[in-house]
Each structure stands twice: as structure tokens, then as C-alpha cells.
Amino acid sequence: MNSIELAPLGSGAIYSVIALLLGLLALTVFIFIKPLPSNAKYLTLGVMLPLMGLFVFTLYQSFSSAILWDDTQLQVNIPLYSNSFDMSNVDVTQARIINLINEPEYAAKWRTNGLGLPGYSLGWFSLNNKAKALLSITDPTQVLMLPTAEKTLILVSVIDAEQALAQLHASAQAIGSKR
């Protein structure tokens, strides 16, 4: 199985998640200090703890994000939005590197289901060019774009975009020669 490691979160994104967690914790403490019925306090705890756990899990999983593929399937392993695509539906030959700063038509416009924090876009988004995309963007200058047959794009930040693209193209040629 081939793999490409995705770029980890930058310090700005890590601080954003930590600030969000601290805000949720402060809100929980405030609600527990405020004179409320005990049922309301425990209901708040029942909502806030899983929510904080979800953000901790997202932060933890973001450091082991990767794209894995073989002859039949491509897996995008990202926090909360991992997805599998049949390799016949992924156009690896059209994969390319984009810089979202220089090509704003591929930048996220609307979040349809995901997480949008400073320095981290994760989930399903509509792009400026009206395309639908699965994103895991931590570095807008090193983005690997993979088009699919379902008219969606996979946009992920990678550590070394040139090497990742070469690895994908070499794998596509090897798969093509087997068929």
C-alpha cells in the first residue's frame, strides 16, 4: 500500500484548537458555578465533555493524517472525515499541485460540513469555482488536488508536494501497466 503523509497543523491552528477547548472549558465551569438546577448542570456536562473530546480527538488525529492507496482503493485518512474512493473514480493523471493563494478559484468559499479554524480547513466545502471538495488544508501553498469522477475534488496539504505528486503519478503508471 502506498502512502503520503499530510502536513501537520501549524502553530496557529494548534493555538486555535486549544483556545476553542479552553473556551468550552470556561463555559462549562461558568455554568457549574451559576446557580442552576442540578439536571441542567449535568446536561451541560453531558454535552460539553463529548464536544471537548471531539476536538481533542481531531487535534490528535490531525498529526497522523495520510492518503493511502493501492490498485483498487484510495483512502483519505483525516480526522472525522475519512473517506474511501474507488481508484477507478480518482483521476490520478490529473492530480496536480496548487497554491491556494495564487489560484483562489480553488479556495474554500462555504463550509458545508466541516471545521473551519484559522490555519485549518477540514471537511466538505464548496469552492470559489462552485466545485465540491473534501479538504484537509493546513498549508495553502502546498496543496495536492485529486479530481474524482463524482465531480468532487480532494484537496490536502502535504509536506513535500512535488514528491507526493511524483509518487502518485508513478503509482498510476504502474497500475495502468498492470491492466
Protein backbone atom coordinates (compact mmCIF):
# COMPACT_ATOMS: atom_id res chain seq x y z
CA MET A 1 0.00 0.00 0.00
CA ASN A 2 1.32 3.43 -0.97
CA SER A 3 1.00 6.40 1.36
CA ILE A 4 1.54 10.13 1.52
CA GLU A 5 1.77 11.84 4.89
CA LEU A 6 -0.29 15.03 5.12
CA ALA A 7 1.13 18.25 6.50
CA PRO A 8 0.63 18.62 10.26
CA LEU A 9 -1.16 21.54 11.84
CA GLY A 10 0.75 24.77 12.10
CA SER A 11 1.13 26.60 15.38
CA GLY A 12 -1.76 28.98 14.55
CA ALA A 13 -4.17 26.09 14.04
CA ILE A 14 -2.98 24.35 17.21
CA TYR A 15 -3.48 27.56 19.19
CA SER A 16 -6.97 27.92 17.66
CA VAL A 17 -8.00 24.43 18.77
CA ILE A 18 -6.52 24.97 22.23
CA ALA A 19 -8.33 28.33 22.53
CA LEU A 20 -11.57 26.65 21.49
CA LEU A 21 -11.06 23.92 24.11
CA LEU A 22 -10.29 26.49 26.80
CA GLY A 23 -13.39 28.47 25.84
CA LEU A 24 -15.57 25.36 26.14
CA LEU A 25 -13.97 24.53 29.48
CA ALA A 26 -14.54 28.09 30.76
CA LEU A 27 -18.18 27.95 29.64
CA THR A 28 -18.63 24.63 31.44
CA VAL A 29 -17.08 25.97 34.65
CA PHE A 30 -19.22 29.12 34.43
CA ILE A 31 -22.39 27.04 34.09
CA PHE A 32 -21.40 24.89 37.06
CA ILE A 33 -20.73 27.97 39.22
CA LYS A 34 -24.01 29.62 38.26
CA PRO A 35 -26.96 28.63 40.45
CA LEU A 36 -28.92 26.26 38.23
CA PRO A 37 -30.87 23.07 38.86
CA SER A 38 -28.58 20.04 39.06
CA ASN A 39 -30.28 18.49 36.00
CA ALA A 40 -29.22 21.48 33.87
CA LYS A 41 -25.66 21.23 35.15
CA TYR A 42 -25.37 17.53 34.34
CA LEU A 43 -27.00 18.04 30.95
CA THR A 44 -24.38 20.69 30.20
CA LEU A 45 -21.65 18.33 31.31
CA GLY A 46 -23.14 15.61 29.11
CA VAL A 47 -22.91 17.92 26.09
CA MET A 48 -19.61 19.68 26.79
CA LEU A 49 -17.45 16.67 27.64
CA PRO A 50 -18.14 14.81 24.36
CA LEU A 51 -17.71 18.08 22.44
CA MET A 52 -14.33 18.72 24.06
CA GLY A 53 -13.41 15.07 23.44
CA LEU A 54 -14.27 15.52 19.76
CA PHE A 55 -11.90 18.48 19.44
CA VAL A 56 -9.12 16.67 21.33
CA PHE A 57 -9.60 13.66 19.04
CA THR A 58 -9.46 15.93 15.96
CA LEU A 59 -6.26 17.56 17.21
CA TYR A 60 -4.66 14.19 17.96
CA GLN A 61 -5.70 12.57 14.65
CA SER A 62 -4.51 15.55 12.61
CA PHE A 63 -0.91 14.54 13.31
CA SER A 64 -1.34 11.12 11.67
CA SER A 65 -3.35 12.12 8.60
CA ALA A 66 -2.40 10.43 5.35
CA ILE A 67 -3.56 9.33 1.92
CA LEU A 68 -3.26 5.58 1.33
CA TRP A 69 -3.87 3.76 -1.93
CA ASP A 70 -3.43 0.50 -3.77
CA ASP A 71 -4.67 -0.83 -7.11
CA THR A 72 -8.33 -0.68 -6.13
CA GLN A 73 -8.90 1.96 -3.46
CA LEU A 74 -7.74 5.39 -2.28
CA GLN A 75 -8.28 6.21 1.38
CA VAL A 76 -8.15 9.75 2.72
CA ASN A 77 -7.44 9.31 6.44
CA ILE A 78 -8.22 12.64 8.07
CA PRO A 79 -9.92 13.40 11.39
CA LEU A 80 -13.72 12.94 11.37
CA TYR A 81 -13.99 12.92 7.56
CA SER A 82 -12.01 9.88 6.46
CA ASN A 83 -13.29 8.62 3.14
CA SER A 84 -12.57 5.85 0.65
CA PHE A 85 -12.73 6.23 -3.11
CA ASP A 86 -12.58 3.54 -5.76
CA MET A 87 -9.33 4.10 -7.70
CA SER A 88 -11.26 3.89 -10.97
CA ASN A 89 -13.13 7.03 -9.84
CA VAL A 90 -9.98 9.00 -8.98
CA ASP A 91 -8.23 10.67 -11.90
CA VAL A 92 -4.64 10.39 -10.65
CA THR A 93 -3.27 11.52 -14.02
CA GLN A 94 -4.98 14.90 -13.50
CA ALA A 95 -3.63 15.30 -9.96
CA ARG A 96 -1.60 18.44 -9.53
CA ILE A 97 -0.12 20.83 -7.01
CA ILE A 98 -1.94 24.07 -6.39
CA ASN A 99 -1.20 27.15 -4.34
CA LEU A 100 -4.49 28.47 -2.98
CA ILE A 101 -3.05 31.96 -2.68
CA ASN A 102 -2.18 32.08 -6.41
CA GLU A 103 -5.24 30.08 -7.52
CA PRO A 104 -8.12 31.46 -5.42
CA GLU A 105 -10.75 29.67 -7.53
CA TYR A 106 -9.84 26.50 -5.57
CA ALA A 107 -10.06 28.19 -2.17
CA ALA A 108 -12.90 27.25 0.17
CA LYS A 109 -15.90 29.54 -0.06
CA TRP A 110 -18.60 27.82 2.02
CA ARG A 111 -18.22 25.10 4.61
CA THR A 112 -21.00 22.58 4.00
CA ASN A 113 -19.92 20.11 6.70
CA GLY A 114 -16.64 20.57 8.44
CA LEU A 115 -14.36 22.54 10.66
CA GLY A 116 -13.00 25.91 9.67
CA LEU A 117 -10.42 27.38 12.02
CA PRO A 118 -7.60 29.82 11.33
CA GLY A 119 -4.92 27.69 9.71
CA TYR A 120 -7.08 24.56 9.36
CA SER A 121 -9.92 23.68 7.00
CA LEU A 122 -11.28 20.18 7.41
CA GLY A 123 -14.32 18.50 5.87
CA TRP A 124 -16.63 19.17 2.93
CA PHE A 125 -16.56 22.64 1.37
CA SER A 126 -17.85 24.45 -1.69
CA LEU A 127 -15.03 26.19 -3.52
CA ASN A 128 -14.96 29.59 -5.22
CA ASN A 129 -15.33 27.82 -8.59
CA LYS A 130 -18.52 26.13 -7.26
CA ALA A 131 -16.91 22.66 -7.08
CA LYS A 132 -17.45 20.44 -4.06
CA ALA A 133 -14.29 19.31 -2.26
CA LEU A 134 -13.06 17.24 0.66
CA LEU A 135 -10.43 19.37 2.36
CA SER A 136 -7.67 18.94 4.88
CA ILE A 137 -5.76 22.19 4.43
CA THR A 138 -3.08 23.28 6.86
CA ASP A 139 -0.71 24.97 4.39
CA PRO A 140 -2.37 26.74 1.45
CA THR A 141 0.85 26.79 -0.58
CA GLN A 142 1.46 23.01 -0.72
CA VAL A 143 -1.91 21.54 -1.73
CA LEU A 144 -2.33 18.32 -3.65
CA MET A 145 -5.50 18.28 -5.77
CA LEU A 146 -7.06 14.98 -6.84
CA PRO A 147 -10.16 15.12 -9.07
CA THR A 148 -12.74 12.34 -8.86
CA ALA A 149 -15.35 11.03 -11.27
CA GLU A 150 -18.12 12.20 -8.91
CA LYS A 151 -17.25 15.82 -9.80
CA THR A 152 -15.66 16.34 -6.39
CA LEU A 153 -12.10 17.26 -5.59
CA ILE A 154 -9.80 16.08 -2.85
CA LEU A 155 -7.59 18.93 -1.62
CA VAL A 156 -4.98 18.10 1.03
CA SER A 157 -1.90 19.87 2.31
CA VAL A 158 1.19 17.69 2.03
CA ILE A 159 4.70 18.08 3.41
CA ASP A 160 6.53 17.72 0.07
CA ALA A 161 4.07 18.32 -2.76
CA GLU A 162 6.49 17.55 -5.60
CA GLN A 163 7.46 14.18 -4.13
CA ALA A 164 3.82 13.30 -3.35
CA LEU A 165 2.72 14.11 -6.89
CA ALA A 166 5.59 12.09 -8.37
CA GLN A 167 4.67 9.15 -6.14
CA LEU A 168 1.02 9.34 -7.25
CA HIS A 169 1.89 9.56 -10.93
CA ALA A 170 4.38 6.67 -10.69
CA SER A 171 1.73 4.57 -8.98
CA ALA A 172 -0.84 5.45 -11.66
CA GLN A 173 1.57 4.33 -14.39
CA ALA A 174 2.26 1.07 -12.55
CA ILE A 175 -1.46 0.43 -12.14
CA GLY A 176 -2.08 1.26 -15.80
CA SER A 177 0.61 -1.15 -16.95
CA LYS A 178 -0.94 -3.99 -14.90
CA ARG A 179 -4.29 -3.62 -16.64
